[in-house]
């Protein structure tokens, strides 16, 4: 039987790749890559010579049925995103759903994802948390912020460095400027950094300091008055 493997790839340091992930990529009939240029660097590093095909948010709607049919017919496909675990704020869900609809096997390998180390490094409660990915950029953004203001679990958001300051200011406005939070960037890379403080303090810092790299925001949950 064929199988679709979702293969996590390093979010920074290439040494974070697992032995099993390397083997699966070497043995797959086809590697589906969010960006073949990015993935080719990883494959070259691990001496993997395999066929690749682009699979990203702009073409996945047109290709998932055909790809799932290939898996159902007996091929082994490996899906990777540019960094981290496919389907977590990256393409993957539509293909998984279609494979399951067609009765094809799916397996996600354990591995790198950015929000877990950011959550642990934050020093905020990690026993219960709410992963939100990216906030809506326009439509529905204010509504979502109002809803999150009353979320009692620790909140985790992804953000672009170009929108970080705006997001911190809005979070301070809707959740309260004294709400504890952390900003982690460049996780697993040479210049990895986690800054902790109140939303007001973090907003002030990134007003003065340009943010660089991939960003994970971790925010303390709402504590109702007792």
C-alpha atoms as a PDB file:
ATOM      1  CA  UNK A   1       0.000   0.000   0.000  1.00  0.00           C
ATOM      2  CA  UNK A   2       1.034   3.563  -0.607  1.00  0.00           C
ATOM      3  CA  UNK A   3       1.169   6.205   2.084  1.00  0.00           C
ATOM      4  CA  UNK A   4       1.348   9.962   2.459  1.00  0.00           C
ATOM      5  CA  UNK A   5       4.034  10.961   4.944  1.00  0.00           C
ATOM      6  CA  UNK A   6       4.002  14.446   6.453  1.00  0.00           C
ATOM      7  CA  UNK A   7       7.657  15.116   7.228  1.00  0.00           C
ATOM      8  CA  UNK A   8       8.638  17.924   9.621  1.00  0.00           C
ATOM      9  CA  UNK A   9      11.736  19.845   8.585  1.00  0.00           C
ATOM     10  CA  UNK A  10      14.002  22.053  10.733  1.00  0.00           C
ATOM     11  CA  UNK A  11      12.763  25.524  11.630  1.00  0.00           C
ATOM     12  CA  UNK A  12      16.383  26.645  11.884  1.00  0.00           C
ATOM     13  CA  UNK A  13      19.313  24.358  12.576  1.00  0.00           C
ATOM     14  CA  UNK A  14      19.569  21.622   9.941  1.00  0.00           C
ATOM     15  CA  UNK A  15      20.766  19.199  12.638  1.00  0.00           C
ATOM     16  CA  UNK A  16      17.208  19.112  13.998  1.00  0.00           C
ATOM     17  CA  UNK A  17      16.256  16.720  11.185  1.00  0.00           C
ATOM     18  CA  UNK A  18      15.487  13.199  12.434  1.00  0.00           C
ATOM     19  CA  UNK A  19      17.127  10.044  11.043  1.00  0.00           C
ATOM     20  CA  UNK A  20      13.697   8.703  10.167  1.00  0.00           C
ATOM     21  CA  UNK A  21      12.700  11.846   8.304  1.00  0.00           C
ATOM     22  CA  UNK A  22      15.845  11.600   6.156  1.00  0.00           C
ATOM     23  CA  UNK A  23      15.101   7.947   5.372  1.00  0.00           C
ATOM     24  CA  UNK A  24      11.494   8.663   4.403  1.00  0.00           C
ATOM     25  CA  UNK A  25      12.573  11.458   2.055  1.00  0.00           C
ATOM     26  CA  UNK A  26      15.138   9.167   0.443  1.00  0.00           C
ATOM     27  CA  UNK A  27      12.659   6.332  -0.053  1.00  0.00           C
ATOM     28  CA  UNK A  28       9.598   8.288  -1.211  1.00  0.00           C
ATOM     29  CA  UNK A  29       8.459   8.066  -4.797  1.00  0.00           C
ATOM     30  CA  UNK A  30       7.914  11.834  -4.803  1.00  0.00           C
ATOM     31  CA  UNK A  31       8.584  14.750  -2.451  1.00  0.00           C
ATOM     32  CA  UNK A  32       5.956  17.480  -2.371  1.00  0.00           C
ATOM     33  CA  UNK A  33       7.578  20.754  -1.369  1.00  0.00           C
ATOM     34  CA  UNK A  34       6.074  24.112  -0.480  1.00  0.00           C
ATOM     35  CA  UNK A  35       9.061  25.777  -2.174  1.00  0.00           C
ATOM     36  CA  UNK A  36      11.365  23.479  -4.127  1.00  0.00           C
ATOM     37  CA  UNK A  37      14.222  25.992  -3.889  1.00  0.00           C
ATOM     38  CA  UNK A  38      14.114  25.932  -0.084  1.00  0.00           C
ATOM     39  CA  UNK A  39      13.724  22.166   0.096  1.00  0.00           C
ATOM     40  CA  UNK A  40      16.567  21.593  -2.364  1.00  0.00           C
ATOM     41  CA  UNK A  41      18.976  23.096   0.196  1.00  0.00           C
ATOM     42  CA  UNK A  42      17.818  20.580   2.791  1.00  0.00           C
ATOM     43  CA  UNK A  43      18.003  17.668   0.343  1.00  0.00           C
ATOM     44  CA  UNK A  44      21.503  18.626  -0.752  1.00  0.00           C
ATOM     45  CA  UNK A  45      22.654  18.815   2.878  1.00  0.00           C
ATOM     46  CA  UNK A  46      21.487  15.231   3.490  1.00  0.00           C
ATOM     47  CA  UNK A  47      22.549  13.904   0.090  1.00  0.00           C
ATOM     48  CA  UNK A  48      18.971  13.148  -0.913  1.00  0.00           C
ATOM     49  CA  UNK A  49      18.416  12.795  -4.636  1.00  0.00           C
ATOM     50  CA  UNK A  50      14.712  12.463  -5.251  1.00  0.00           C
ATOM     51  CA  UNK A  51      11.995  13.859  -7.450  1.00  0.00           C
ATOM     52  CA  UNK A  52      10.246  16.982  -6.218  1.00  0.00           C
ATOM     53  CA  UNK A  53       7.012  18.719  -7.095  1.00  0.00           C
ATOM     54  CA  UNK A  54       5.681  22.059  -5.876  1.00  0.00           C
ATOM     55  CA  UNK A  55       2.753  21.835  -3.491  1.00  0.00           C
ATOM     56  CA  UNK A  56       1.678  25.162  -2.019  1.00  0.00           C
ATOM     57  CA  UNK A  57      -1.413  27.175  -1.147  1.00  0.00           C
ATOM     58  CA  UNK A  58      -1.751  28.512  -4.695  1.00  0.00           C
ATOM     59  CA  UNK A  59      -1.966  25.133  -6.426  1.00  0.00           C
ATOM     60  CA  UNK A  60      -3.051  22.594  -3.813  1.00  0.00           C
ATOM     61  CA  UNK A  61      -6.760  22.980  -4.573  1.00  0.00           C
ATOM     62  CA  UNK A  62      -6.121  21.799  -8.144  1.00  0.00           C
ATOM     63  CA  UNK A  63      -3.813  18.882  -7.349  1.00  0.00           C
ATOM     64  CA  UNK A  64      -4.941  17.174  -4.143  1.00  0.00           C
ATOM     65  CA  UNK A  65      -7.373  14.781  -5.840  1.00  0.00           C
ATOM     66  CA  UNK A  66      -4.758  13.545  -8.305  1.00  0.00           C
ATOM     67  CA  UNK A  67      -2.050  13.248  -5.641  1.00  0.00           C
ATOM     68  CA  UNK A  68      -4.322  11.361  -3.260  1.00  0.00           C
ATOM     69  CA  UNK A  69      -5.199   8.984  -6.085  1.00  0.00           C
ATOM     70  CA  UNK A  70      -1.506   8.236  -6.572  1.00  0.00           C
ATOM     71  CA  UNK A  71      -1.178   7.364  -2.888  1.00  0.00           C
ATOM     72  CA  UNK A  72      -4.308   5.213  -3.030  1.00  0.00           C
ATOM     73  CA  UNK A  73      -2.804   3.426  -6.059  1.00  0.00           C
ATOM     74  CA  UNK A  74       0.316   2.459  -4.124  1.00  0.00           C
ATOM     75  CA  UNK A  75       2.820   5.322  -4.325  1.00  0.00           C
ATOM     76  CA  UNK A  76       4.602   6.798  -1.319  1.00  0.00           C
ATOM     77  CA  UNK A  77       4.551  10.603  -1.209  1.00  0.00           C
ATOM     78  CA  UNK A  78       6.377  12.792   1.314  1.00  0.00           C
ATOM     79  CA  UNK A  79       5.035  16.268   2.028  1.00  0.00           C
ATOM     80  CA  UNK A  80       7.305  18.969   3.463  1.00  0.00           C
ATOM     81  CA  UNK A  81       6.815  22.659   4.099  1.00  0.00           C
ATOM     82  CA  UNK A  82       9.563  25.278   4.111  1.00  0.00           C
ATOM     83  CA  UNK A  83      10.077  24.752   7.854  1.00  0.00           C
ATOM     84  CA  UNK A  84       8.308  22.905  10.633  1.00  0.00           C
ATOM     85  CA  UNK A  85       5.412  20.466  10.408  1.00  0.00           C
ATOM     86  CA  UNK A  86       3.203  20.500   7.294  1.00  0.00           C
ATOM     87  CA  UNK A  87      -0.421  21.532   7.879  1.00  0.00           C
ATOM     88  CA  UNK A  88       0.486  23.710  10.898  1.00  0.00           C
ATOM     89  CA  UNK A  89      -0.024  27.168   9.365  1.00  0.00           C
ATOM     90  CA  UNK A  90       1.288  25.607   6.138  1.00  0.00           C
ATOM     91  CA  UNK A  91      -0.196  23.564   3.264  1.00  0.00           C
ATOM     92  CA  UNK A  92      -1.135  20.002   4.087  1.00  0.00           C
ATOM     93  CA  UNK A  93      -4.653  19.778   5.481  1.00  0.00           C
ATOM     94  CA  UNK A  94      -6.396  19.584   2.110  1.00  0.00           C
ATOM     95  CA  UNK A  95      -4.180  16.741   0.915  1.00  0.00           C
ATOM     96  CA  UNK A  96      -4.565  14.804   4.171  1.00  0.00           C
ATOM     97  CA  UNK A  97      -8.340  15.166   3.991  1.00  0.00           C
ATOM     98  CA  UNK A  98      -8.466  13.995   0.372  1.00  0.00           C
ATOM     99  CA  UNK A  99      -6.190  11.009   1.033  1.00  0.00           C
ATOM    100  CA  UNK A 100      -8.433   9.905   3.874  1.00  0.00           C
ATOM    101  CA  UNK A 101     -11.507  10.421   1.702  1.00  0.00           C
ATOM    102  CA  UNK A 102     -10.003   8.112  -0.921  1.00  0.00           C
ATOM    103  CA  UNK A 103      -9.006   5.530   1.677  1.00  0.00           C
ATOM    104  CA  UNK A 104      -5.266   6.210   1.397  1.00  0.00           C
ATOM    105  CA  UNK A 105      -2.958   5.885   4.403  1.00  0.00           C
ATOM    106  CA  UNK A 106      -1.539   9.005   6.081  1.00  0.00           C
ATOM    107  CA  UNK A 107       1.215   9.280   8.687  1.00  0.00           C
ATOM    108  CA  UNK A 108       2.731  12.385  10.261  1.00  0.00           C
ATOM    109  CA  UNK A 109       6.263  11.993  11.604  1.00  0.00           C
ATOM    110  CA  UNK A 110       7.063  13.710  14.915  1.00  0.00           C
ATOM    111  CA  UNK A 111       9.459  16.586  14.614  1.00  0.00           C
ATOM    112  CA  UNK A 112      10.135  20.289  14.556  1.00  0.00           C
ATOM    113  CA  UNK A 113       7.512  22.960  14.995  1.00  0.00           C
ATOM    114  CA  UNK A 114       8.199  26.504  16.138  1.00  0.00           C
ATOM    115  CA  UNK A 115       5.508  27.046  18.733  1.00  0.00           C
ATOM    116  CA  UNK A 116       6.499  24.287  21.192  1.00  0.00           C
ATOM    117  CA  UNK A 117       9.975  25.645  22.098  1.00  0.00           C
ATOM    118  CA  UNK A 118       8.546  29.181  22.132  1.00  0.00           C
ATOM    119  CA  UNK A 119       5.838  28.115  24.591  1.00  0.00           C
ATOM    120  CA  UNK A 120       8.291  26.361  26.893  1.00  0.00           C
ATOM    121  CA  UNK A 121      10.801  29.238  26.728  1.00  0.00           C
ATOM    122  CA  UNK A 122       8.107  31.815  27.545  1.00  0.00           C
ATOM    123  CA  UNK A 123       7.836  30.795  31.189  1.00  0.00           C
ATOM    124  CA  UNK A 124       4.045  31.006  30.878  1.00  0.00           C
ATOM    125  CA  UNK A 125       1.736  28.074  31.751  1.00  0.00           C
ATOM    126  CA  UNK A 126       2.206  25.304  29.185  1.00  0.00           C
ATOM    127  CA  UNK A 127      -0.198  22.684  30.514  1.00  0.00           C
ATOM    128  CA  UNK A 128      -3.147  24.185  28.609  1.00  0.00           C
ATOM    129  CA  UNK A 129      -2.736  26.414  25.577  1.00  0.00           C
ATOM    130  CA  UNK A 130      -4.568  27.707  22.515  1.00  0.00           C
ATOM    131  CA  UNK A 131      -2.690  27.768  19.203  1.00  0.00           C
ATOM    132  CA  UNK A 132      -4.160  30.431  16.898  1.00  0.00           C
ATOM    133  CA  UNK A 133      -1.579  30.537  14.104  1.00  0.00           C
ATOM    134  CA  UNK A 134      -1.789  33.824  12.212  1.00  0.00           C
ATOM    135  CA  UNK A 135      -4.503  36.326  13.114  1.00  0.00           C
ATOM    136  CA  UNK A 136      -6.754  37.474  10.251  1.00  0.00           C
ATOM    137  CA  UNK A 137      -4.981  40.342   8.531  1.00  0.00           C
ATOM    138  CA  UNK A 138      -8.102  42.381   7.816  1.00  0.00           C
ATOM    139  CA  UNK A 139     -11.614  40.945   7.873  1.00  0.00           C
ATOM    140  CA  UNK A 140     -12.519  39.507  11.254  1.00  0.00           C
ATOM    141  CA  UNK A 141      -9.338  40.645  13.003  1.00  0.00           C
ATOM    142  CA  UNK A 142     -10.995  42.877  15.614  1.00  0.00           C
ATOM    143  CA  UNK A 143     -13.690  40.291  16.284  1.00  0.00           C
ATOM    144  CA  UNK A 144     -11.046  37.623  16.866  1.00  0.00           C
ATOM    145  CA  UNK A 145      -9.050  39.874  19.199  1.00  0.00           C
ATOM    146  CA  UNK A 146     -12.173  40.538  21.268  1.00  0.00           C
ATOM    147  CA  UNK A 147     -12.795  36.802  21.531  1.00  0.00           C
ATOM    148  CA  UNK A 148      -9.195  36.051  22.515  1.00  0.00           C
ATOM    149  CA  UNK A 149      -9.322  38.667  25.262  1.00  0.00           C
ATOM    150  CA  UNK A 150     -11.360  36.218  27.358  1.00  0.00           C
ATOM    151  CA  UNK A 151      -9.421  33.051  26.486  1.00  0.00           C
ATOM    152  CA  UNK A 152      -8.105  31.618  29.766  1.00  0.00           C
ATOM    153  CA  UNK A 153      -5.498  29.308  28.201  1.00  0.00           C
ATOM    154  CA  UNK A 154      -2.057  30.526  27.180  1.00  0.00           C
ATOM    155  CA  UNK A 155      -2.279  31.967  23.657  1.00  0.00           C
ATOM    156  CA  UNK A 156       0.184  31.222  20.865  1.00  0.00           C
ATOM    157  CA  UNK A 157       0.324  33.286  17.665  1.00  0.00           C
ATOM    158  CA  UNK A 158       2.565  33.355  14.621  1.00  0.00           C
ATOM    159  CA  UNK A 159       3.429  36.739  13.180  1.00  0.00           C
ATOM    160  CA  UNK A 160       5.471  38.363  10.447  1.00  0.00           C
ATOM    161  CA  UNK A 161       8.276  40.668  11.618  1.00  0.00           C
ATOM    162  CA  UNK A 162       6.713  43.397   9.465  1.00  0.00           C
ATOM    163  CA  UNK A 163       3.411  43.247  11.386  1.00  0.00           C
ATOM    164  CA  UNK A 164       4.770  42.505  14.865  1.00  0.00           C
ATOM    165  CA  UNK A 165       4.636  46.039  16.252  1.00  0.00           C
ATOM    166  CA  UNK A 166       1.065  46.572  15.035  1.00  0.00           C
ATOM    167  CA  UNK A 167      -0.040  43.235  16.470  1.00  0.00           C
ATOM    168  CA  UNK A 168       1.549  43.911  19.858  1.00  0.00           C
ATOM    169  CA  UNK A 169      -0.162  47.311  20.055  1.00  0.00           C
ATOM    170  CA  UNK A 170      -3.518  45.759  19.176  1.00  0.00           C
ATOM    171  CA  UNK A 171      -3.054  42.935  21.669  1.00  0.00           C
ATOM    172  CA  UNK A 172      -2.263  45.493  24.360  1.00  0.00           C
ATOM    173  CA  UNK A 173      -5.406  47.405  23.423  1.00  0.00           C
ATOM    174  CA  UNK A 174      -7.767  44.418  23.466  1.00  0.00           C
ATOM    175  CA  UNK A 175      -6.152  42.159  26.085  1.00  0.00           C
ATOM    176  CA  UNK A 176      -4.634  44.807  28.350  1.00  0.00           C
ATOM    177  CA  UNK A 177      -1.160  46.276  28.260  1.00  0.00           C
ATOM    178  CA  UNK A 178      -0.129  44.591  31.495  1.00  0.00           C
ATOM    179  CA  UNK A 179      -0.803  41.080  30.137  1.00  0.00           C
ATOM    180  CA  UNK A 180       2.407  39.008  30.324  1.00  0.00           C
ATOM    181  CA  UNK A 181       3.821  37.764  27.028  1.00  0.00           C
ATOM    182  CA  UNK A 182       6.952  36.691  25.193  1.00  0.00           C
ATOM    183  CA  UNK A 183       8.279  37.147  21.681  1.00  0.00           C
ATOM    184  CA  UNK A 184      10.514  34.388  20.305  1.00  0.00           C
ATOM    185  CA  UNK A 185      12.307  34.788  17.008  1.00  0.00           C
ATOM    186  CA  UNK A 186      14.782  32.818  14.910  1.00  0.00           C
ATOM    187  CA  UNK A 187      14.085  29.635  16.885  1.00  0.00           C
ATOM    188  CA  UNK A 188      16.892  27.069  16.549  1.00  0.00           C
ATOM    189  CA  UNK A 189      18.996  29.525  14.538  1.00  0.00           C
ATOM    190  CA  UNK A 190      22.240  31.300  15.401  1.00  0.00           C
ATOM    191  CA  UNK A 191      20.537  34.497  16.606  1.00  0.00           C
ATOM    192  CA  UNK A 192      17.651  32.874  18.490  1.00  0.00           C
ATOM    193  CA  UNK A 193      16.113  35.246  21.028  1.00  0.00           C
ATOM    194  CA  UNK A 194      13.173  35.293  23.430  1.00  0.00           C
ATOM    195  CA  UNK A 195      12.051  38.556  25.018  1.00  0.00           C
ATOM    196  CA  UNK A 196       9.613  38.511  27.930  1.00  0.00           C
ATOM    197  CA  UNK A 197       7.539  41.244  29.530  1.00  0.00           C
ATOM    198  CA  UNK A 198       4.142  42.908  29.404  1.00  0.00           C
ATOM    199  CA  UNK A 199       2.458  43.585  26.078  1.00  0.00           C
ATOM    200  CA  UNK A 200       3.095  47.301  26.618  1.00  0.00           C
ATOM    201  CA  UNK A 201       6.801  46.668  27.253  1.00  0.00           C
ATOM    202  CA  UNK A 202       7.180  44.416  24.236  1.00  0.00           C
ATOM    203  CA  UNK A 203       5.298  46.860  22.000  1.00  0.00           C
ATOM    204  CA  UNK A 204       7.592  49.662  23.158  1.00  0.00           C
ATOM    205  CA  UNK A 205      10.687  47.546  22.502  1.00  0.00           C
ATOM    206  CA  UNK A 206       9.686  46.657  18.968  1.00  0.00           C
ATOM    207  CA  UNK A 207       8.721  50.254  18.256  1.00  0.00           C
ATOM    208  CA  UNK A 208      12.375  51.124  18.848  1.00  0.00           C
ATOM    209  CA  UNK A 209      13.929  47.902  17.541  1.00  0.00           C
ATOM    210  CA  UNK A 210      13.302  46.360  14.134  1.00  0.00           C
ATOM    211  CA  UNK A 211      12.038  42.796  14.331  1.00  0.00           C
ATOM    212  CA  UNK A 212      13.779  40.186  12.213  1.00  0.00           C
ATOM    213  CA  UNK A 213      13.106  36.532  11.486  1.00  0.00           C
ATOM    214  CA  UNK A 214      10.112  34.294  12.066  1.00  0.00           C
ATOM    215  CA  UNK A 215       8.098  35.308  15.134  1.00  0.00           C
ATOM    216  CA  UNK A 216       6.158  33.326  17.737  1.00  0.00           C
ATOM    217  CA  UNK A 217       4.079  35.267  20.258  1.00  0.00           C
ATOM    218  CA  UNK A 218       3.067  33.631  23.540  1.00  0.00           C
ATOM    219  CA  UNK A 219       0.563  35.496  25.704  1.00  0.00           C
ATOM    220  CA  UNK A 220      -0.741  34.734  29.184  1.00  0.00           C
ATOM    221  CA  UNK A 221      -4.363  33.674  29.344  1.00  0.00           C
ATOM    222  CA  UNK A 222      -7.147  35.797  30.804  1.00  0.00           C
ATOM    223  CA  UNK A 223      -7.497  35.522  34.578  1.00  0.00           C
ATOM    224  CA  UNK A 224     -11.107  36.220  35.627  1.00  0.00           C
ATOM    225  CA  UNK A 225     -11.671  38.131  38.835  1.00  0.00           C
ATOM    226  CA  UNK A 226     -12.430  35.840  41.753  1.00  0.00           C
END
